[in-house]
């Protein structure tokens, strides 16, 4: 749950910025959101979740 909320915030900030500079229209953002919800209900959802978990694991091992 924590990773999901972090991903939502990290992906939501660029969308907000693009909407703010008028590069992305509201219809585009709603279409992308609807696609994400529909994708989460398909067979591809475990693959996407595994990919996000792998990226999260990689980023978690980085030390600055």
C-alpha atoms as a PDB file:
ATOM      1  CA  UNK A   1       0.000   0.000   0.000  1.00  0.00           C
ATOM      2  CA  UNK A   2       2.816   2.405   0.833  1.00  0.00           C
ATOM      3  CA  UNK A   3       4.514   1.808  -2.524  1.00  0.00           C
ATOM      4  CA  UNK A   4       1.222   2.295  -4.352  1.00  0.00           C
ATOM      5  CA  UNK A   5       0.638   5.622  -2.654  1.00  0.00           C
ATOM      6  CA  UNK A   6       4.204   6.702  -3.436  1.00  0.00           C
ATOM      7  CA  UNK A   7       3.760   5.727  -7.082  1.00  0.00           C
ATOM      8  CA  UNK A   8       0.476   7.635  -7.249  1.00  0.00           C
ATOM      9  CA  UNK A   9       2.142  10.727  -5.843  1.00  0.00           C
ATOM     10  CA  UNK A  10       5.200  10.437  -8.079  1.00  0.00           C
ATOM     11  CA  UNK A  11       3.079   9.955 -11.187  1.00  0.00           C
ATOM     12  CA  UNK A  12       0.470  12.481 -10.107  1.00  0.00           C
ATOM     13  CA  UNK A  13       2.942  15.344  -9.740  1.00  0.00           C
ATOM     14  CA  UNK A  14       4.063  15.339 -13.398  1.00  0.00           C
ATOM     15  CA  UNK A  15       0.433  15.071 -14.523  1.00  0.00           C
ATOM     16  CA  UNK A  16      -0.483  18.044 -12.342  1.00  0.00           C
ATOM     17  CA  UNK A  17       2.477  19.996 -13.742  1.00  0.00           C
ATOM     18  CA  UNK A  18       1.520  19.174 -17.343  1.00  0.00           C
ATOM     19  CA  UNK A  19      -2.050  20.240 -16.656  1.00  0.00           C
ATOM     20  CA  UNK A  20      -0.782  23.434 -15.051  1.00  0.00           C
ATOM     21  CA  UNK A  21       1.334  24.462 -18.057  1.00  0.00           C
ATOM     22  CA  UNK A  22      -1.544  23.507 -20.353  1.00  0.00           C
ATOM     23  CA  UNK A  23       0.478  20.839 -22.169  1.00  0.00           C
ATOM     24  CA  UNK A  24      -1.958  18.127 -21.119  1.00  0.00           C
ATOM     25  CA  UNK A  25      -5.705  18.584 -21.292  1.00  0.00           C
ATOM     26  CA  UNK A  26      -8.151  17.283 -18.673  1.00  0.00           C
ATOM     27  CA  UNK A  27      -9.651  14.849 -21.176  1.00  0.00           C
ATOM     28  CA  UNK A  28      -6.206  13.317 -21.761  1.00  0.00           C
ATOM     29  CA  UNK A  29      -5.602  12.920 -18.029  1.00  0.00           C
ATOM     30  CA  UNK A  30      -9.027  11.326 -17.500  1.00  0.00           C
ATOM     31  CA  UNK A  31      -8.450   8.966 -20.419  1.00  0.00           C
ATOM     32  CA  UNK A  32      -5.080   7.892 -18.965  1.00  0.00           C
ATOM     33  CA  UNK A  33      -6.673   7.365 -15.551  1.00  0.00           C
ATOM     34  CA  UNK A  34      -9.481   5.275 -17.011  1.00  0.00           C
ATOM     35  CA  UNK A  35      -6.940   3.206 -18.940  1.00  0.00           C
ATOM     36  CA  UNK A  36      -5.007   2.585 -15.722  1.00  0.00           C
ATOM     37  CA  UNK A  37      -8.117   1.412 -13.891  1.00  0.00           C
ATOM     38  CA  UNK A  38      -9.070  -0.882 -16.760  1.00  0.00           C
ATOM     39  CA  UNK A  39      -5.524  -2.233 -17.023  1.00  0.00           C
ATOM     40  CA  UNK A  40      -5.543  -3.124 -13.337  1.00  0.00           C
ATOM     41  CA  UNK A  41      -8.447  -5.500 -13.965  1.00  0.00           C
ATOM     42  CA  UNK A  42      -6.761  -7.456 -16.784  1.00  0.00           C
ATOM     43  CA  UNK A  43      -4.321 -10.339 -16.942  1.00  0.00           C
ATOM     44  CA  UNK A  44      -1.500  -7.806 -17.394  1.00  0.00           C
ATOM     45  CA  UNK A  45      -1.960  -6.450 -13.859  1.00  0.00           C
ATOM     46  CA  UNK A  46       0.399  -8.993 -12.187  1.00  0.00           C
ATOM     47  CA  UNK A  47       3.066  -8.275 -14.811  1.00  0.00           C
ATOM     48  CA  UNK A  48       2.803  -4.529 -14.242  1.00  0.00           C
ATOM     49  CA  UNK A  49       2.841  -5.048 -10.464  1.00  0.00           C
ATOM     50  CA  UNK A  50       5.912  -7.282 -10.756  1.00  0.00           C
ATOM     51  CA  UNK A  51       7.659  -4.653 -12.851  1.00  0.00           C
ATOM     52  CA  UNK A  52       6.854  -1.936 -10.318  1.00  0.00           C
ATOM     53  CA  UNK A  53       8.028  -4.169  -7.463  1.00  0.00           C
ATOM     54  CA  UNK A  54      11.295  -4.816  -9.304  1.00  0.00           C
ATOM     55  CA  UNK A  55      11.898  -1.115  -9.873  1.00  0.00           C
ATOM     56  CA  UNK A  56      11.023  -0.451  -6.246  1.00  0.00           C
ATOM     57  CA  UNK A  57      13.500  -3.094  -5.091  1.00  0.00           C
ATOM     58  CA  UNK A  58      16.218  -1.646  -7.303  1.00  0.00           C
ATOM     59  CA  UNK A  59      15.612   1.906  -6.125  1.00  0.00           C
ATOM     60  CA  UNK A  60      15.485   0.710  -2.516  1.00  0.00           C
ATOM     61  CA  UNK A  61      19.012  -0.686  -2.811  1.00  0.00           C
ATOM     62  CA  UNK A  62      20.526   2.560  -4.068  1.00  0.00           C
ATOM     63  CA  UNK A  63      22.623   4.409  -1.524  1.00  0.00           C
ATOM     64  CA  UNK A  64      23.528   8.052  -1.890  1.00  0.00           C
END
